[in-house]
Amino acid sequence: MLRLRSDRGATLHHLLLLLVVLVMGFTTVISAEQASAADAEPGELRAMPATPAEGSGVVTLSTNDYRIGPSDQLEIDVFQIEELSGVERVNSRGYIKMPLIGSVKVAGLTQGEAENLITGLYSEEYLEDPQVNIDIIEYASQQVTVMGAVKRPGVFALKGRTTLLQALAMAKGLDGLPDKEGIIIFRANTAGKVVGYVVDLAQIESGLQGDPEVIGSDKIVVPVAGVASGIKGITDTLRGFVGFQRY
């Protein structure tokens, strides 16, 4: 009987040790997750993955491979020649008008290609070794839609790299009774499938989570607290919608 009690006591002791190890491991995982969230600085730009299945291949609006489109606004600087510099908007046919060289078609070109084109045109007859720099200050051909509990719902052109908070500011901020913990960014991946990324705005505002970047064709929906029918109505109209993913 004494040996039986000893064995049972040893078994219980081992079980208690195992339980302590499991609890400590679980606590470590939680602490690591919290530390990871805390690493995000307030307003930090964090790109949202294009697809939750891969979790990689981040989609960003990059001026390196972005191709200029109609209605985009460009700031053109010809180094040390103020008369040739200025802000130009691409017209519906894809042209901008430049001093001396006239109309130049830039639609379909990357920022670098447009710089090289204008540099070449000026160097042919007018300038020796010109230096041309172009900044895309408004991506009119890249637009996001903001709807729901905001003061001014609508479609807005991106002005460079834009975060969720900046997109909501373009819609004049939240209005009514918004569900700040359930803001949804609908985004299509390269396969044409649409994912609804659920974002907790309160976490972003408190600095516990990074402010995600939005890209052209994103649809941002701010639901009204306690009302789910509106979201269902939106998802029913989205071609290729595959479900929701927590950001």
Protein backbone atom coordinates (compact mmCIF):
# COMPACT_ATOMS: atom_id res chain seq x y z
CA MET A 1 0.00 0.00 0.00
CA LEU A 2 2.83 2.37 0.86
CA ARG A 3 4.48 1.72 -2.53
CA LEU A 4 1.20 2.33 -4.33
CA ARG A 5 0.82 5.68 -2.59
CA SER A 6 4.42 6.54 -3.51
CA ASP A 7 3.82 5.72 -7.20
CA ARG A 8 0.61 7.71 -7.24
CA GLY A 9 2.40 10.60 -5.53
CA ALA A 10 5.20 10.50 -8.10
CA THR A 11 2.68 10.39 -10.93
CA LEU A 12 0.79 13.35 -9.49
CA HIS A 13 4.08 15.22 -9.06
CA HIS A 14 4.97 14.59 -12.71
CA LEU A 15 1.54 15.73 -13.86
CA LEU A 16 1.88 18.94 -11.85
CA LEU A 17 5.32 19.58 -13.36
CA LEU A 18 3.92 19.00 -16.87
CA LEU A 19 1.03 21.38 -16.18
CA VAL A 20 3.47 24.07 -14.98
CA VAL A 21 5.58 23.66 -18.14
CA LEU A 22 2.51 23.91 -20.38
CA VAL A 23 1.25 27.01 -18.58
CA MET A 24 4.69 28.63 -18.78
CA GLY A 25 4.91 27.81 -22.49
CA PHE A 26 1.45 29.21 -23.17
CA THR A 27 2.32 32.37 -21.23
CA THR A 28 5.51 32.72 -23.25
CA VAL A 29 3.58 32.50 -26.51
CA ILE A 30 1.07 35.12 -25.36
CA SER A 31 3.89 37.39 -24.17
CA ALA A 32 5.66 37.00 -27.52
CA GLU A 33 2.50 37.93 -29.39
CA GLN A 34 1.97 40.95 -27.16
CA ALA A 35 5.60 41.99 -27.59
CA SER A 36 5.27 41.67 -31.35
CA ALA A 37 2.19 43.90 -31.31
CA ALA A 38 3.93 46.35 -29.01
CA ASP A 39 6.85 46.60 -31.45
CA ALA A 40 4.60 48.50 -33.86
CA GLU A 41 5.17 52.19 -33.37
CA PRO A 42 2.17 54.53 -33.45
CA GLY A 43 1.37 55.27 -37.08
CA GLU A 44 3.86 52.66 -38.35
CA LEU A 45 3.20 51.71 -41.97
CA ARG A 46 2.53 48.00 -42.18
CA ALA A 47 1.57 46.50 -45.51
CA MET A 48 -1.35 44.07 -45.59
CA PRO A 49 -0.73 40.75 -47.36
CA ALA A 50 -2.38 40.32 -50.75
CA THR A 51 -3.73 36.92 -49.78
CA PRO A 52 -4.09 35.29 -46.34
CA ALA A 53 -3.17 31.87 -47.76
CA GLU A 54 0.35 32.92 -48.69
CA GLY A 55 0.95 35.65 -46.12
CA SER A 56 3.70 37.00 -48.34
CA GLY A 57 4.09 38.88 -51.61
CA VAL A 58 3.02 42.11 -49.95
CA VAL A 59 1.12 44.48 -52.21
CA THR A 60 2.33 48.07 -52.00
CA LEU A 61 1.97 51.14 -54.13
CA SER A 62 5.54 51.53 -55.36
CA THR A 63 6.67 54.44 -57.51
CA ASN A 64 9.35 52.15 -58.96
CA ASP A 65 6.92 49.99 -60.94
CA TYR A 66 3.77 52.13 -60.89
CA ARG A 67 2.75 53.28 -64.38
CA ILE A 68 1.47 56.81 -64.75
CA GLY A 69 -2.18 57.13 -65.77
CA PRO A 70 -4.62 59.82 -66.90
CA SER A 71 -5.47 62.46 -64.26
CA ASP A 72 -2.38 61.62 -62.19
CA GLN A 73 -0.68 64.76 -60.90
CA LEU A 74 3.08 65.07 -61.31
CA GLU A 75 5.55 67.46 -59.73
CA ILE A 76 8.35 67.97 -62.23
CA ASP A 77 11.65 69.53 -61.18
CA VAL A 78 14.28 70.47 -63.74
CA PHE A 79 17.32 71.08 -61.58
CA GLN A 80 18.13 74.77 -61.10
CA ILE A 81 15.69 75.86 -63.82
CA GLU A 82 12.56 77.09 -62.09
CA GLU A 83 10.92 78.21 -65.35
CA LEU A 84 10.79 74.60 -66.59
CA SER A 85 9.61 73.14 -63.29
CA GLY A 86 6.09 72.87 -61.92
CA VAL A 87 3.04 70.69 -61.28
CA GLU A 88 1.28 69.09 -64.24
CA ARG A 89 -1.80 66.87 -64.44
CA VAL A 90 -1.88 64.10 -67.04
CA ASN A 91 -4.76 64.71 -69.44
CA SER A 92 -7.28 62.14 -70.63
CA ARG A 93 -5.04 61.24 -73.60
CA GLY A 94 -2.03 60.66 -71.35
CA TYR A 95 -0.09 63.87 -72.11
CA ILE A 96 1.42 66.67 -70.04
CA LYS A 97 2.49 70.04 -71.42
CA MET A 98 6.07 71.12 -70.78
CA PRO A 99 7.76 74.45 -71.53
CA LEU A 100 9.80 74.49 -74.78
CA ILE A 101 9.17 70.84 -75.70
CA GLY A 102 5.34 70.98 -75.67
CA SER A 103 3.12 67.94 -75.16
CA VAL A 104 4.79 64.81 -73.86
CA LYS A 105 3.02 61.47 -73.51
CA VAL A 106 3.82 59.99 -70.09
CA ALA A 107 0.84 57.68 -69.52
CA GLY A 108 1.97 54.07 -69.36
CA LEU A 109 5.48 55.01 -68.25
CA THR A 110 7.05 54.46 -64.85
CA GLN A 111 8.38 57.44 -62.94
CA GLY A 112 11.94 56.67 -64.05
CA GLU A 113 10.95 56.19 -67.69
CA ALA A 114 9.14 59.54 -67.72
CA GLU A 115 12.19 61.24 -66.20
CA ASN A 116 14.44 59.75 -68.88
CA LEU A 117 12.05 60.75 -71.66
CA ILE A 118 11.83 64.40 -70.59
CA THR A 119 15.58 64.53 -69.94
CA GLY A 120 16.23 63.30 -73.47
CA LEU A 121 13.84 65.80 -75.05
CA TYR A 122 15.42 68.76 -73.26
CA SER A 123 18.97 67.60 -74.01
CA GLU A 124 18.31 67.29 -77.76
CA GLU A 125 18.07 71.04 -78.41
CA TYR A 126 17.73 73.12 -75.27
CA LEU A 127 19.83 72.01 -72.29
CA GLU A 128 23.21 70.50 -71.65
CA ASP A 129 23.11 67.57 -69.23
CA PRO A 130 19.67 68.37 -67.72
CA GLN A 131 18.59 66.70 -64.47
CA VAL A 132 14.87 65.95 -64.27
CA ASN A 133 13.10 64.60 -61.21
CA ILE A 134 9.43 63.59 -61.15
CA ASP A 135 7.30 62.97 -58.06
CA ILE A 136 3.84 61.49 -58.41
CA ILE A 137 1.85 63.56 -55.92
CA GLU A 138 -1.60 62.25 -56.77
CA TYR A 139 -2.41 58.78 -58.03
CA ALA A 140 -5.76 59.70 -59.59
CA SER A 141 -5.86 56.42 -61.51
CA GLN A 142 -5.43 54.56 -58.18
CA GLN A 143 -8.52 55.05 -56.06
CA VAL A 144 -9.97 53.70 -52.84
CA THR A 145 -13.61 53.59 -51.84
CA VAL A 146 -14.60 54.52 -48.29
CA MET A 147 -18.16 53.78 -47.19
CA GLY A 148 -20.27 53.21 -44.10
CA ALA A 149 -20.16 55.23 -40.89
CA VAL A 150 -17.96 58.08 -42.17
CA LYS A 151 -18.82 61.74 -42.66
CA ARG A 152 -18.15 61.85 -46.39
CA PRO A 153 -18.32 58.45 -48.12
CA GLY A 154 -16.86 58.37 -51.60
CA VAL A 155 -14.09 57.38 -53.98
CA PHE A 156 -10.73 59.04 -53.35
CA ALA A 157 -7.51 59.23 -55.35
CA LEU A 158 -4.42 58.08 -53.49
CA LYS A 159 -1.81 60.76 -52.89
CA GLY A 160 1.32 58.66 -52.62
CA ARG A 161 1.55 55.90 -50.04
CA THR A 162 -1.63 56.06 -47.98
CA THR A 163 -2.55 54.35 -44.71
CA LEU A 164 -5.97 53.37 -43.39
CA LEU A 165 -6.05 56.34 -41.00
CA GLN A 166 -5.20 58.70 -43.85
CA ALA A 167 -7.92 57.17 -46.05
CA LEU A 168 -10.49 57.64 -43.28
CA ALA A 169 -9.31 61.25 -42.91
CA MET A 170 -10.02 61.78 -46.63
CA ALA A 171 -13.59 60.73 -45.82
CA LYS A 172 -13.62 63.40 -43.04
CA GLY A 173 -13.44 60.81 -40.24
CA LEU A 174 -15.91 58.50 -38.55
CA ASP A 175 -19.55 59.38 -38.02
CA GLY A 176 -22.53 58.08 -36.05
CA LEU A 177 -21.97 54.81 -34.19
CA PRO A 178 -19.06 53.12 -35.98
CA ASP A 179 -17.82 49.65 -35.10
CA LYS A 180 -14.16 50.61 -34.65
CA GLU A 181 -13.14 47.03 -33.91
CA GLY A 182 -14.63 45.66 -37.12
CA ILE A 183 -13.51 47.94 -39.95
CA ILE A 184 -13.10 45.90 -43.12
CA ILE A 185 -10.74 46.42 -46.05
CA PHE A 186 -11.87 44.43 -49.08
CA ARG A 187 -8.93 43.66 -51.36
CA ALA A 188 -8.57 41.47 -54.45
CA ASN A 189 -5.47 39.31 -54.75
CA THR A 190 -3.62 38.47 -57.95
CA ALA A 191 -6.01 35.57 -58.60
CA GLY A 192 -8.98 37.92 -58.54
CA LYS A 193 -10.28 36.58 -55.22
CA VAL A 194 -11.52 39.20 -52.74
CA VAL A 195 -10.62 38.95 -49.06
CA GLY A 196 -12.19 41.07 -46.32
CA TYR A 197 -9.44 42.03 -43.85
CA VAL A 198 -10.93 42.90 -40.46
CA VAL A 199 -9.02 45.71 -38.76
CA ASP A 200 -9.30 46.91 -35.16
CA LEU A 201 -8.96 50.69 -35.43
CA ALA A 202 -8.73 51.08 -31.66
CA GLN A 203 -5.57 48.93 -31.66
CA ILE A 204 -4.04 51.14 -34.35
CA GLU A 205 -4.95 54.38 -32.58
CA SER A 206 -3.44 53.10 -29.34
CA GLY A 207 -0.21 52.11 -31.10
CA LEU A 208 -0.60 48.38 -30.42
CA GLN A 209 -0.89 47.59 -34.11
CA GLY A 210 0.62 49.15 -37.23
CA ASP A 211 -1.41 51.37 -39.53
CA PRO A 212 -1.93 49.25 -42.68
CA GLU A 213 -1.25 50.67 -46.12
CA VAL A 214 -4.18 50.82 -48.53
CA ILE A 215 -3.78 50.40 -52.28
CA GLY A 216 -5.74 51.16 -55.41
CA SER A 217 -9.14 49.42 -55.71
CA ASP A 218 -9.40 48.75 -51.95
CA LYS A 219 -12.90 49.12 -50.52
CA ILE A 220 -12.94 50.30 -46.90
CA VAL A 221 -16.15 49.71 -44.97
CA VAL A 222 -16.84 51.15 -41.53
CA PRO A 223 -19.83 49.15 -40.19
CA VAL A 224 -22.42 50.62 -37.88
CA ALA A 225 -22.10 49.03 -34.44
CA GLY A 226 -24.47 46.10 -34.03
CA VAL A 227 -25.62 46.07 -37.68
CA ALA A 228 -24.44 43.09 -39.73
CA SER A 229 -26.90 43.23 -42.63
CA GLY A 230 -25.01 46.03 -44.37
CA ILE A 231 -21.82 43.98 -44.59
CA LYS A 232 -23.70 40.99 -45.98
CA GLY A 233 -25.22 43.21 -48.63
CA ILE A 234 -21.76 44.39 -49.67
CA THR A 235 -20.20 40.91 -49.76
CA ASP A 236 -23.09 39.65 -51.91
CA THR A 237 -22.11 42.17 -54.59
CA LEU A 238 -18.36 41.38 -54.57
CA ARG A 239 -17.33 39.06 -57.36
CA GLY A 240 -14.91 36.40 -56.15
CA PHE A 241 -15.40 37.06 -52.42
CA VAL A 242 -13.82 34.21 -50.45
CA GLY A 243 -14.16 35.24 -46.81
CA PHE A 244 -12.72 37.29 -43.98
CA GLN A 245 -9.24 37.39 -42.46
CA ARG A 246 -8.13 39.17 -39.28
CA TYR A 247 -5.39 41.71 -40.01
